[in-house]
């Protein structure tokens, strides 16, 4: 029997998938000249290929914590997934991680070609800001501006893109634990933290709540990366839907590689406890987020 949380996660994923299909329609928006068919197909291949949709789920669940669960939250969740999927499309390229499979399917550059994959990633990244900034995302202008600014910083030079650069530079090098933590907080944690902060912004929450949700996001962001590193060491390629064992083969420094499997599992338990403590003021309303923290730490794929 499927656990209740995974059912809830799947329902959220279906909602986001439907929204992404609608947004990636063939009809040009006002101000667009045309949507080239091959490029659109590549963008859809990179986005509409399943996946847990964890980051969008965190947006929706954190927004619901502040009684904001409408269309605006769904659009922001879809925008964030566009950014996440753009990063996967580019990370899979031969010049980056050089992967042939993503979620059990050919990566975009394998299904199409490298140039199209680069442009598909470009299209997804820029479209994310279009989605949030559009008046159809029915939030006050100040909230939309905050969402776009924070997303740019989470995804850009001081966040995900910067973290990926540090990751590439670190191949074959011996990094100190603090350097690994910073790299992972940027590469993986920044978008997860944003997902949780975004819900608070959508809900018009006080700054203290935004900061608290950001702390929660930082804790589960680290847990997500630790779990990912653990799976790279222990899971099969079939279970993951992509190649495993690549970090060690590439000489990448990870905390799991530095400290071992048992240490990593202890850290994951501690991060879940930390995440649950952060959510304590919200009572039962935050149960979905608590379950998400446990899911992140215990996932098997």
C-alpha atoms as a PDB file:
ATOM      1  CA  UNK A   1       0.000   0.000   0.000  1.00  0.00           C
ATOM      2  CA  UNK A   2       1.348   3.436  -0.975  1.00  0.00           C
ATOM      3  CA  UNK A   3       2.074   5.623   2.099  1.00  0.00           C
ATOM      4  CA  UNK A   4      -0.325   8.592   2.468  1.00  0.00           C
ATOM      5  CA  UNK A   5       2.439  11.157   2.005  1.00  0.00           C
ATOM      6  CA  UNK A   6       3.516   9.671  -1.299  1.00  0.00           C
ATOM      7  CA  UNK A   7      -0.102   9.809  -2.454  1.00  0.00           C
ATOM      8  CA  UNK A   8      -0.221  13.484  -1.500  1.00  0.00           C
ATOM      9  CA  UNK A   9       3.083  14.115  -3.280  1.00  0.00           C
ATOM     10  CA  UNK A  10       1.764  12.368  -6.398  1.00  0.00           C
ATOM     11  CA  UNK A  11      -1.425  14.464  -6.372  1.00  0.00           C
ATOM     12  CA  UNK A  12       0.667  17.624  -6.181  1.00  0.00           C
ATOM     13  CA  UNK A  13       2.880  16.371  -9.007  1.00  0.00           C
ATOM     14  CA  UNK A  14      -0.171  15.790 -11.206  1.00  0.00           C
ATOM     15  CA  UNK A  15      -1.398  19.338 -10.567  1.00  0.00           C
ATOM     16  CA  UNK A  16       1.983  20.802 -11.442  1.00  0.00           C
ATOM     17  CA  UNK A  17       2.306  18.576 -14.517  1.00  0.00           C
ATOM     18  CA  UNK A  18      -1.061  19.775 -15.789  1.00  0.00           C
ATOM     19  CA  UNK A  19      -0.071  23.398 -15.217  1.00  0.00           C
ATOM     20  CA  UNK A  20       3.236  22.893 -17.046  1.00  0.00           C
ATOM     21  CA  UNK A  21       1.425  21.300 -19.991  1.00  0.00           C
ATOM     22  CA  UNK A  22      -0.865  24.310 -20.145  1.00  0.00           C
ATOM     23  CA  UNK A  23       2.018  26.777 -19.922  1.00  0.00           C
ATOM     24  CA  UNK A  24       4.050  24.944 -22.584  1.00  0.00           C
ATOM     25  CA  UNK A  25       1.241  25.081 -25.130  1.00  0.00           C
ATOM     26  CA  UNK A  26       1.984  25.735 -28.792  1.00  0.00           C
ATOM     27  CA  UNK A  27       0.081  29.035 -28.856  1.00  0.00           C
ATOM     28  CA  UNK A  28       2.327  32.112 -28.517  1.00  0.00           C
ATOM     29  CA  UNK A  29       1.613  34.502 -25.663  1.00  0.00           C
ATOM     30  CA  UNK A  30       1.045  38.199 -26.222  1.00  0.00           C
ATOM     31  CA  UNK A  31       4.407  39.686 -27.158  1.00  0.00           C
ATOM     32  CA  UNK A  32       5.822  36.381 -28.450  1.00  0.00           C
ATOM     33  CA  UNK A  33       6.268  36.070 -32.197  1.00  0.00           C
ATOM     34  CA  UNK A  34       6.213  32.276 -32.484  1.00  0.00           C
ATOM     35  CA  UNK A  35       7.037  29.124 -30.531  1.00  0.00           C
ATOM     36  CA  UNK A  36       9.376  26.994 -32.706  1.00  0.00           C
ATOM     37  CA  UNK A  37       8.070  23.433 -32.676  1.00  0.00           C
ATOM     38  CA  UNK A  38      11.378  21.604 -32.158  1.00  0.00           C
ATOM     39  CA  UNK A  39      12.450  23.906 -29.338  1.00  0.00           C
ATOM     40  CA  UNK A  40       9.081  23.585 -27.629  1.00  0.00           C
ATOM     41  CA  UNK A  41       9.233  19.801 -27.964  1.00  0.00           C
ATOM     42  CA  UNK A  42      12.683  19.783 -26.351  1.00  0.00           C
ATOM     43  CA  UNK A  43      11.473  21.977 -23.496  1.00  0.00           C
ATOM     44  CA  UNK A  44       8.518  19.689 -22.934  1.00  0.00           C
ATOM     45  CA  UNK A  45      10.811  16.641 -23.052  1.00  0.00           C
ATOM     46  CA  UNK A  46      12.926  18.198 -20.320  1.00  0.00           C
ATOM     47  CA  UNK A  47       9.967  19.069 -18.091  1.00  0.00           C
ATOM     48  CA  UNK A  48       7.106  16.671 -18.784  1.00  0.00           C
ATOM     49  CA  UNK A  49       8.999  13.494 -17.954  1.00  0.00           C
ATOM     50  CA  UNK A  50       7.660  12.557 -14.562  1.00  0.00           C
ATOM     51  CA  UNK A  51       9.628  13.121 -11.406  1.00  0.00           C
ATOM     52  CA  UNK A  52       8.512  13.668  -7.845  1.00  0.00           C
ATOM     53  CA  UNK A  53       8.037  17.455  -8.254  1.00  0.00           C
ATOM     54  CA  UNK A  54       9.367  17.919  -4.707  1.00  0.00           C
ATOM     55  CA  UNK A  55      10.268  21.584  -5.091  1.00  0.00           C
ATOM     56  CA  UNK A  56       6.821  22.551  -6.401  1.00  0.00           C
ATOM     57  CA  UNK A  57       5.269  20.485  -3.613  1.00  0.00           C
ATOM     58  CA  UNK A  58       7.222  22.505  -1.050  1.00  0.00           C
ATOM     59  CA  UNK A  59       5.950  25.737  -2.611  1.00  0.00           C
ATOM     60  CA  UNK A  60       2.353  24.542  -2.460  1.00  0.00           C
ATOM     61  CA  UNK A  61       2.625  23.115   1.045  1.00  0.00           C
ATOM     62  CA  UNK A  62       4.403  26.124   2.539  1.00  0.00           C
ATOM     63  CA  UNK A  63       1.894  28.468   0.894  1.00  0.00           C
ATOM     64  CA  UNK A  64      -0.975  26.426   2.334  1.00  0.00           C
ATOM     65  CA  UNK A  65       0.554  26.935   5.780  1.00  0.00           C
ATOM     66  CA  UNK A  66      -0.450  30.589   5.365  1.00  0.00           C
ATOM     67  CA  UNK A  67      -3.839  29.873   3.736  1.00  0.00           C
ATOM     68  CA  UNK A  68      -2.611  30.574   0.211  1.00  0.00           C
ATOM     69  CA  UNK A  69      -3.297  27.509  -1.928  1.00  0.00           C
ATOM     70  CA  UNK A  70      -4.769  28.971  -5.112  1.00  0.00           C
ATOM     71  CA  UNK A  71      -3.721  29.403  -8.726  1.00  0.00           C
ATOM     72  CA  UNK A  72      -0.938  31.864  -7.893  1.00  0.00           C
ATOM     73  CA  UNK A  73       0.849  29.283  -5.752  1.00  0.00           C
ATOM     74  CA  UNK A  74       0.507  26.692  -8.526  1.00  0.00           C
ATOM     75  CA  UNK A  75       1.991  29.076 -11.096  1.00  0.00           C
ATOM     76  CA  UNK A  76       4.966  29.874  -8.849  1.00  0.00           C
ATOM     77  CA  UNK A  77       5.439  26.152  -8.232  1.00  0.00           C
ATOM     78  CA  UNK A  78       5.460  25.514 -11.990  1.00  0.00           C
ATOM     79  CA  UNK A  79       7.905  28.362 -12.545  1.00  0.00           C
ATOM     80  CA  UNK A  80      10.287  26.896  -9.994  1.00  0.00           C
ATOM     81  CA  UNK A  81      10.056  23.503 -11.688  1.00  0.00           C
ATOM     82  CA  UNK A  82      11.014  25.168 -14.987  1.00  0.00           C
ATOM     83  CA  UNK A  83      14.185  26.480 -13.335  1.00  0.00           C
ATOM     84  CA  UNK A  84      14.952  23.114 -11.767  1.00  0.00           C
ATOM     85  CA  UNK A  85      14.438  21.270 -15.055  1.00  0.00           C
ATOM     86  CA  UNK A  86      16.533  23.810 -16.972  1.00  0.00           C
ATOM     87  CA  UNK A  87      19.377  23.027 -14.567  1.00  0.00           C
ATOM     88  CA  UNK A  88      18.980  19.300 -15.211  1.00  0.00           C
ATOM     89  CA  UNK A  89      18.981  19.771 -18.983  1.00  0.00           C
ATOM     90  CA  UNK A  90      22.216  21.756 -18.792  1.00  0.00           C
ATOM     91  CA  UNK A  91      23.828  19.542 -16.118  1.00  0.00           C
ATOM     92  CA  UNK A  92      23.313  16.504 -18.355  1.00  0.00           C
ATOM     93  CA  UNK A  93      25.275  18.043 -21.248  1.00  0.00           C
ATOM     94  CA  UNK A  94      28.627  16.492 -22.255  1.00  0.00           C
ATOM     95  CA  UNK A  95      30.480  19.602 -21.073  1.00  0.00           C
ATOM     96  CA  UNK A  96      28.953  19.216 -17.602  1.00  0.00           C
ATOM     97  CA  UNK A  97      27.977  15.841 -16.081  1.00  0.00           C
ATOM     98  CA  UNK A  98      27.633  14.039 -19.443  1.00  0.00           C
ATOM     99  CA  UNK A  99      24.576  11.889 -18.715  1.00  0.00           C
ATOM    100  CA  UNK A 100      22.556   9.828 -21.175  1.00  0.00           C
ATOM    101  CA  UNK A 101      19.529   9.158 -18.938  1.00  0.00           C
ATOM    102  CA  UNK A 102      17.274  11.337 -16.823  1.00  0.00           C
ATOM    103  CA  UNK A 103      14.285   9.803 -15.004  1.00  0.00           C
ATOM    104  CA  UNK A 104      14.748   6.682 -17.096  1.00  0.00           C
ATOM    105  CA  UNK A 105      14.502   8.518 -20.419  1.00  0.00           C
ATOM    106  CA  UNK A 106      17.110   9.877 -22.852  1.00  0.00           C
ATOM    107  CA  UNK A 107      18.417  13.265 -21.765  1.00  0.00           C
ATOM    108  CA  UNK A 108      17.406  16.223 -23.909  1.00  0.00           C
ATOM    109  CA  UNK A 109      20.706  16.431 -25.786  1.00  0.00           C
ATOM    110  CA  UNK A 110      20.424  12.715 -26.595  1.00  0.00           C
ATOM    111  CA  UNK A 111      16.797  12.923 -27.678  1.00  0.00           C
ATOM    112  CA  UNK A 112      17.455  16.056 -29.759  1.00  0.00           C
ATOM    113  CA  UNK A 113      20.972  17.553 -29.990  1.00  0.00           C
ATOM    114  CA  UNK A 114      23.300  19.611 -27.833  1.00  0.00           C
ATOM    115  CA  UNK A 115      22.448  23.001 -29.303  1.00  0.00           C
ATOM    116  CA  UNK A 116      18.722  22.385 -28.922  1.00  0.00           C
ATOM    117  CA  UNK A 117      19.261  21.220 -25.332  1.00  0.00           C
ATOM    118  CA  UNK A 118      21.117  24.428 -24.496  1.00  0.00           C
ATOM    119  CA  UNK A 119      18.332  26.522 -25.999  1.00  0.00           C
ATOM    120  CA  UNK A 120      15.664  24.437 -24.239  1.00  0.00           C
ATOM    121  CA  UNK A 121      17.356  25.176 -20.921  1.00  0.00           C
ATOM    122  CA  UNK A 122      17.570  28.864 -21.815  1.00  0.00           C
ATOM    123  CA  UNK A 123      13.894  28.871 -22.693  1.00  0.00           C
ATOM    124  CA  UNK A 124      12.839  27.189 -19.449  1.00  0.00           C
ATOM    125  CA  UNK A 125      14.907  29.530 -17.285  1.00  0.00           C
ATOM    126  CA  UNK A 126      13.601  32.724 -18.853  1.00  0.00           C
ATOM    127  CA  UNK A 127      10.015  31.448 -18.977  1.00  0.00           C
ATOM    128  CA  UNK A 128      10.054  30.954 -15.214  1.00  0.00           C
ATOM    129  CA  UNK A 129      10.359  34.701 -14.648  1.00  0.00           C
ATOM    130  CA  UNK A 130       7.673  35.360 -17.274  1.00  0.00           C
ATOM    131  CA  UNK A 131       5.289  33.055 -15.372  1.00  0.00           C
ATOM    132  CA  UNK A 132       5.862  34.750 -12.011  1.00  0.00           C
ATOM    133  CA  UNK A 133       5.834  38.280 -13.399  1.00  0.00           C
ATOM    134  CA  UNK A 134       2.678  37.831 -15.479  1.00  0.00           C
ATOM    135  CA  UNK A 135      -0.488  39.411 -14.121  1.00  0.00           C
ATOM    136  CA  UNK A 136      -2.127  35.961 -14.199  1.00  0.00           C
ATOM    137  CA  UNK A 137      -0.022  35.196 -11.145  1.00  0.00           C
ATOM    138  CA  UNK A 138      -2.526  37.116  -9.069  1.00  0.00           C
ATOM    139  CA  UNK A 139      -0.345  38.445  -6.269  1.00  0.00           C
ATOM    140  CA  UNK A 140       0.560  41.997  -5.248  1.00  0.00           C
ATOM    141  CA  UNK A 141       3.337  43.464  -7.397  1.00  0.00           C
ATOM    142  CA  UNK A 142       5.628  43.617  -4.358  1.00  0.00           C
ATOM    143  CA  UNK A 143       5.213  39.881  -3.782  1.00  0.00           C
ATOM    144  CA  UNK A 144       5.881  39.030  -7.434  1.00  0.00           C
ATOM    145  CA  UNK A 145       9.012  41.202  -7.370  1.00  0.00           C
ATOM    146  CA  UNK A 146      10.244  39.482  -4.195  1.00  0.00           C
ATOM    147  CA  UNK A 147       9.597  36.058  -5.724  1.00  0.00           C
ATOM    148  CA  UNK A 148      11.509  36.929  -8.899  1.00  0.00           C
ATOM    149  CA  UNK A 149      14.435  38.548  -7.088  1.00  0.00           C
ATOM    150  CA  UNK A 150      14.859  35.671  -4.649  1.00  0.00           C
ATOM    151  CA  UNK A 151      14.560  33.125  -7.429  1.00  0.00           C
ATOM    152  CA  UNK A 152      17.245  34.908  -9.454  1.00  0.00           C
ATOM    153  CA  UNK A 153      19.579  34.821  -6.466  1.00  0.00           C
ATOM    154  CA  UNK A 154      18.801  31.199  -5.648  1.00  0.00           C
ATOM    155  CA  UNK A 155      19.405  30.128  -9.249  1.00  0.00           C
ATOM    156  CA  UNK A 156      22.274  32.427 -10.215  1.00  0.00           C
ATOM    157  CA  UNK A 157      25.913  33.109  -9.484  1.00  0.00           C
ATOM    158  CA  UNK A 158      25.441  33.106  -5.722  1.00  0.00           C
ATOM    159  CA  UNK A 159      23.219  30.021  -5.766  1.00  0.00           C
ATOM    160  CA  UNK A 160      22.698  27.072  -8.061  1.00  0.00           C
ATOM    161  CA  UNK A 161      24.826  28.173 -11.038  1.00  0.00           C
ATOM    162  CA  UNK A 162      27.658  29.213  -8.748  1.00  0.00           C
ATOM    163  CA  UNK A 163      27.413  25.912  -6.912  1.00  0.00           C
ATOM    164  CA  UNK A 164      27.629  23.986 -10.168  1.00  0.00           C
ATOM    165  CA  UNK A 165      30.740  25.986 -11.092  1.00  0.00           C
ATOM    166  CA  UNK A 166      32.330  25.139  -7.748  1.00  0.00           C
ATOM    167  CA  UNK A 167      31.379  21.483  -8.236  1.00  0.00           C
ATOM    168  CA  UNK A 168      33.093  21.333 -11.609  1.00  0.00           C
ATOM    169  CA  UNK A 169      36.201  23.049 -10.232  1.00  0.00           C
ATOM    170  CA  UNK A 170      36.339  20.586  -7.339  1.00  0.00           C
ATOM    171  CA  UNK A 171      36.628  17.445  -9.468  1.00  0.00           C
ATOM    172  CA  UNK A 172      39.704  15.517  -8.400  1.00  0.00           C
ATOM    173  CA  UNK A 173      40.399  17.870  -5.492  1.00  0.00           C
ATOM    174  CA  UNK A 174      40.315  17.250  -1.763  1.00  0.00           C
ATOM    175  CA  UNK A 175      37.849  19.704  -0.192  1.00  0.00           C
ATOM    176  CA  UNK A 176      37.377  20.609   3.443  1.00  0.00           C
ATOM    177  CA  UNK A 177      33.969  19.891   4.956  1.00  0.00           C
ATOM    178  CA  UNK A 178      33.036  23.593   5.050  1.00  0.00           C
ATOM    179  CA  UNK A 179      33.798  23.919   1.341  1.00  0.00           C
ATOM    180  CA  UNK A 180      31.615  20.916   0.539  1.00  0.00           C
ATOM    181  CA  UNK A 181      28.789  22.326   2.651  1.00  0.00           C
ATOM    182  CA  UNK A 182      28.961  25.686   0.880  1.00  0.00           C
ATOM    183  CA  UNK A 183      29.064  24.055  -2.553  1.00  0.00           C
ATOM    184  CA  UNK A 184      26.075  21.850  -1.794  1.00  0.00           C
ATOM    185  CA  UNK A 185      24.087  24.653  -0.164  1.00  0.00           C
ATOM    186  CA  UNK A 186      24.451  26.575  -3.413  1.00  0.00           C
ATOM    187  CA  UNK A 187      24.097  23.809  -5.992  1.00  0.00           C
ATOM    188  CA  UNK A 188      21.226  21.877  -4.413  1.00  0.00           C
ATOM    189  CA  UNK A 189      20.023  23.656  -1.296  1.00  0.00           C
ATOM    190  CA  UNK A 190      19.350  27.113  -2.733  1.00  0.00           C
ATOM    191  CA  UNK A 191      16.318  26.121  -4.821  1.00  0.00           C
ATOM    192  CA  UNK A 192      14.881  23.963  -2.042  1.00  0.00           C
ATOM    193  CA  UNK A 193      15.231  26.823   0.417  1.00  0.00           C
ATOM    194  CA  UNK A 194      13.586  29.129  -2.114  1.00  0.00           C
ATOM    195  CA  UNK A 195      10.658  26.729  -2.496  1.00  0.00           C
ATOM    196  CA  UNK A 196       9.877  27.023   1.205  1.00  0.00           C
ATOM    197  CA  UNK A 197      10.434  30.786   1.384  1.00  0.00           C
ATOM    198  CA  UNK A 198       8.271  31.286  -1.706  1.00  0.00           C
ATOM    199  CA  UNK A 199       5.235  29.805  -0.015  1.00  0.00           C
ATOM    200  CA  UNK A 200       5.596  32.271   2.835  1.00  0.00           C
ATOM    201  CA  UNK A 201       5.901  35.168   0.377  1.00  0.00           C
ATOM    202  CA  UNK A 202       2.836  34.001  -1.550  1.00  0.00           C
ATOM    203  CA  UNK A 203       0.924  33.823   1.730  1.00  0.00           C
ATOM    204  CA  UNK A 204       1.976  37.321   2.783  1.00  0.00           C
ATOM    205  CA  UNK A 205       3.647  35.938   5.909  1.00  0.00           C
ATOM    206  CA  UNK A 206       5.674  38.047   8.310  1.00  0.00           C
ATOM    207  CA  UNK A 207       9.433  38.295   7.797  1.00  0.00           C
ATOM    208  CA  UNK A 208      10.031  36.063  10.825  1.00  0.00           C
ATOM    209  CA  UNK A 209       7.955  33.331   9.190  1.00  0.00           C
ATOM    210  CA  UNK A 210       9.805  33.746   5.914  1.00  0.00           C
ATOM    211  CA  UNK A 211      13.101  33.328   7.736  1.00  0.00           C
ATOM    212  CA  UNK A 212      11.819  30.296   9.643  1.00  0.00           C
ATOM    213  CA  UNK A 213      10.637  28.617   6.447  1.00  0.00           C
ATOM    214  CA  UNK A 214      13.994  29.448   4.896  1.00  0.00           C
ATOM    215  CA  UNK A 215      15.764  27.703   7.777  1.00  0.00           C
ATOM    216  CA  UNK A 216      13.538  24.691   7.274  1.00  0.00           C
ATOM    217  CA  UNK A 217      14.366  24.714   3.563  1.00  0.00           C
ATOM    218  CA  UNK A 218      18.091  24.910   4.292  1.00  0.00           C
ATOM    219  CA  UNK A 219      17.880  21.888   6.608  1.00  0.00           C
ATOM    220  CA  UNK A 220      16.018  19.689   4.152  1.00  0.00           C
ATOM    221  CA  UNK A 221      18.146  20.984   1.280  1.00  0.00           C
ATOM    222  CA  UNK A 222      21.214  19.588   3.017  1.00  0.00           C
ATOM    223  CA  UNK A 223      19.303  16.394   3.781  1.00  0.00           C
ATOM    224  CA  UNK A 224      18.341  16.088   0.114  1.00  0.00           C
ATOM    225  CA  UNK A 225      21.972  16.350  -0.983  1.00  0.00           C
ATOM    226  CA  UNK A 226      23.194  13.916   1.663  1.00  0.00           C
ATOM    227  CA  UNK A 227      20.501  11.425   0.623  1.00  0.00           C
ATOM    228  CA  UNK A 228      21.459  11.935  -3.024  1.00  0.00           C
ATOM    229  CA  UNK A 229      25.136  11.297  -2.263  1.00  0.00           C
ATOM    230  CA  UNK A 230      24.185   8.199  -0.273  1.00  0.00           C
ATOM    231  CA  UNK A 231      22.063   6.889  -3.141  1.00  0.00           C
ATOM    232  CA  UNK A 232      24.917   7.510  -5.584  1.00  0.00           C
ATOM    233  CA  UNK A 233      26.975   5.150  -3.430  1.00  0.00           C
ATOM    234  CA  UNK A 234      24.354   2.499  -2.690  1.00  0.00           C
ATOM    235  CA  UNK A 235      21.475   2.529  -5.235  1.00  0.00           C
ATOM    236  CA  UNK A 236      21.258   0.905  -8.649  1.00  0.00           C
ATOM    237  CA  UNK A 237      21.002   2.827 -11.900  1.00  0.00           C
ATOM    238  CA  UNK A 238      17.626   1.163 -12.505  1.00  0.00           C
ATOM    239  CA  UNK A 239      16.218   2.454  -9.207  1.00  0.00           C
ATOM    240  CA  UNK A 240      17.532   5.967  -9.806  1.00  0.00           C
ATOM    241  CA  UNK A 241      16.657   6.269 -13.503  1.00  0.00           C
ATOM    242  CA  UNK A 242      20.172   7.614 -14.158  1.00  0.00           C
ATOM    243  CA  UNK A 243      23.769   6.512 -13.809  1.00  0.00           C
ATOM    244  CA  UNK A 244      25.075   6.023 -10.269  1.00  0.00           C
ATOM    245  CA  UNK A 245      28.586   5.897  -8.822  1.00  0.00           C
ATOM    246  CA  UNK A 246      29.527   8.906 -10.916  1.00  0.00           C
ATOM    247  CA  UNK A 247      30.662  11.146  -8.039  1.00  0.00           C
ATOM    248  CA  UNK A 248      33.443   8.793  -7.003  1.00  0.00           C
ATOM    249  CA  UNK A 249      34.382   8.098 -10.625  1.00  0.00           C
ATOM    250  CA  UNK A 250      34.690  11.830 -11.306  1.00  0.00           C
ATOM    251  CA  UNK A 251      36.644  12.432  -8.118  1.00  0.00           C
ATOM    252  CA  UNK A 252      33.953  14.668  -6.647  1.00  0.00           C
ATOM    253  CA  UNK A 253      34.118  15.401  -2.943  1.00  0.00           C
ATOM    254  CA  UNK A 254      30.928  14.604  -1.020  1.00  0.00           C
ATOM    255  CA  UNK A 255      30.198  14.394   2.688  1.00  0.00           C
ATOM    256  CA  UNK A 256      29.068  10.799   2.260  1.00  0.00           C
ATOM    257  CA  UNK A 257      32.359   9.969   0.586  1.00  0.00           C
ATOM    258  CA  UNK A 258      34.312  11.880   3.226  1.00  0.00           C
ATOM    259  CA  UNK A 259      32.640  10.424   6.312  1.00  0.00           C
ATOM    260  CA  UNK A 260      31.033   7.182   5.174  1.00  0.00           C
ATOM    261  CA  UNK A 261      27.569   5.680   4.968  1.00  0.00           C
ATOM    262  CA  UNK A 262      26.833   5.281   8.695  1.00  0.00           C
ATOM    263  CA  UNK A 263      27.806   8.896   9.458  1.00  0.00           C
ATOM    264  CA  UNK A 264      25.604  10.105   6.603  1.00  0.00           C
ATOM    265  CA  UNK A 265      22.597   8.202   7.897  1.00  0.00           C
ATOM    266  CA  UNK A 266      23.085   9.679  11.382  1.00  0.00           C
ATOM    267  CA  UNK A 267      23.289  13.170   9.900  1.00  0.00           C
ATOM    268  CA  UNK A 268      20.087  12.597   7.979  1.00  0.00           C
ATOM    269  CA  UNK A 269      18.252  11.627  11.157  1.00  0.00           C
ATOM    270  CA  UNK A 270      19.585  14.747  12.876  1.00  0.00           C
ATOM    271  CA  UNK A 271      18.500  17.014  10.018  1.00  0.00           C
ATOM    272  CA  UNK A 272      14.980  15.579  10.090  1.00  0.00           C
ATOM    273  CA  UNK A 273      14.785  16.298  13.827  1.00  0.00           C
ATOM    274  CA  UNK A 274      16.080  19.826  13.222  1.00  0.00           C
ATOM    275  CA  UNK A 275      13.507  20.411  10.475  1.00  0.00           C
ATOM    276  CA  UNK A 276      10.688  19.183  12.706  1.00  0.00           C
ATOM    277  CA  UNK A 277      11.818  21.487  15.532  1.00  0.00           C
ATOM    278  CA  UNK A 278      11.786  24.486  13.189  1.00  0.00           C
ATOM    279  CA  UNK A 279       8.155  23.753  12.278  1.00  0.00           C
ATOM    280  CA  UNK A 280       6.997  23.292  15.871  1.00  0.00           C
ATOM    281  CA  UNK A 281       5.247  26.709  16.111  1.00  0.00           C
ATOM    282  CA  UNK A 282       2.907  25.769  13.232  1.00  0.00           C
ATOM    283  CA  UNK A 283       1.404  22.706  14.876  1.00  0.00           C
ATOM    284  CA  UNK A 284      -0.594  20.248  12.814  1.00  0.00           C
ATOM    285  CA  UNK A 285      -0.778  22.655   9.891  1.00  0.00           C
ATOM    286  CA  UNK A 286       2.849  21.854   9.077  1.00  0.00           C
ATOM    287  CA  UNK A 287       2.461  18.065   9.060  1.00  0.00           C
ATOM    288  CA  UNK A 288       2.830  17.905   5.280  1.00  0.00           C
ATOM    289  CA  UNK A 289       6.169  19.687   5.507  1.00  0.00           C
ATOM    290  CA  UNK A 290       7.304  17.386   8.322  1.00  0.00           C
ATOM    291  CA  UNK A 291       6.440  14.400   6.170  1.00  0.00           C
ATOM    292  CA  UNK A 292       8.351  15.974   3.297  1.00  0.00           C
ATOM    293  CA  UNK A 293      11.450  16.255   5.489  1.00  0.00           C
ATOM    294  CA  UNK A 294      11.241  12.573   6.406  1.00  0.00           C
ATOM    295  CA  UNK A 295      10.620  11.611   2.788  1.00  0.00           C
ATOM    296  CA  UNK A 296      13.670  13.572   1.608  1.00  0.00           C
ATOM    297  CA  UNK A 297      15.933  11.824   4.105  1.00  0.00           C
ATOM    298  CA  UNK A 298      14.541   8.316   3.616  1.00  0.00           C
ATOM    299  CA  UNK A 299      13.889   8.230  -0.139  1.00  0.00           C
ATOM    300  CA  UNK A 300      15.145   5.287  -2.134  1.00  0.00           C
ATOM    301  CA  UNK A 301      15.366   6.949  -5.550  1.00  0.00           C
END
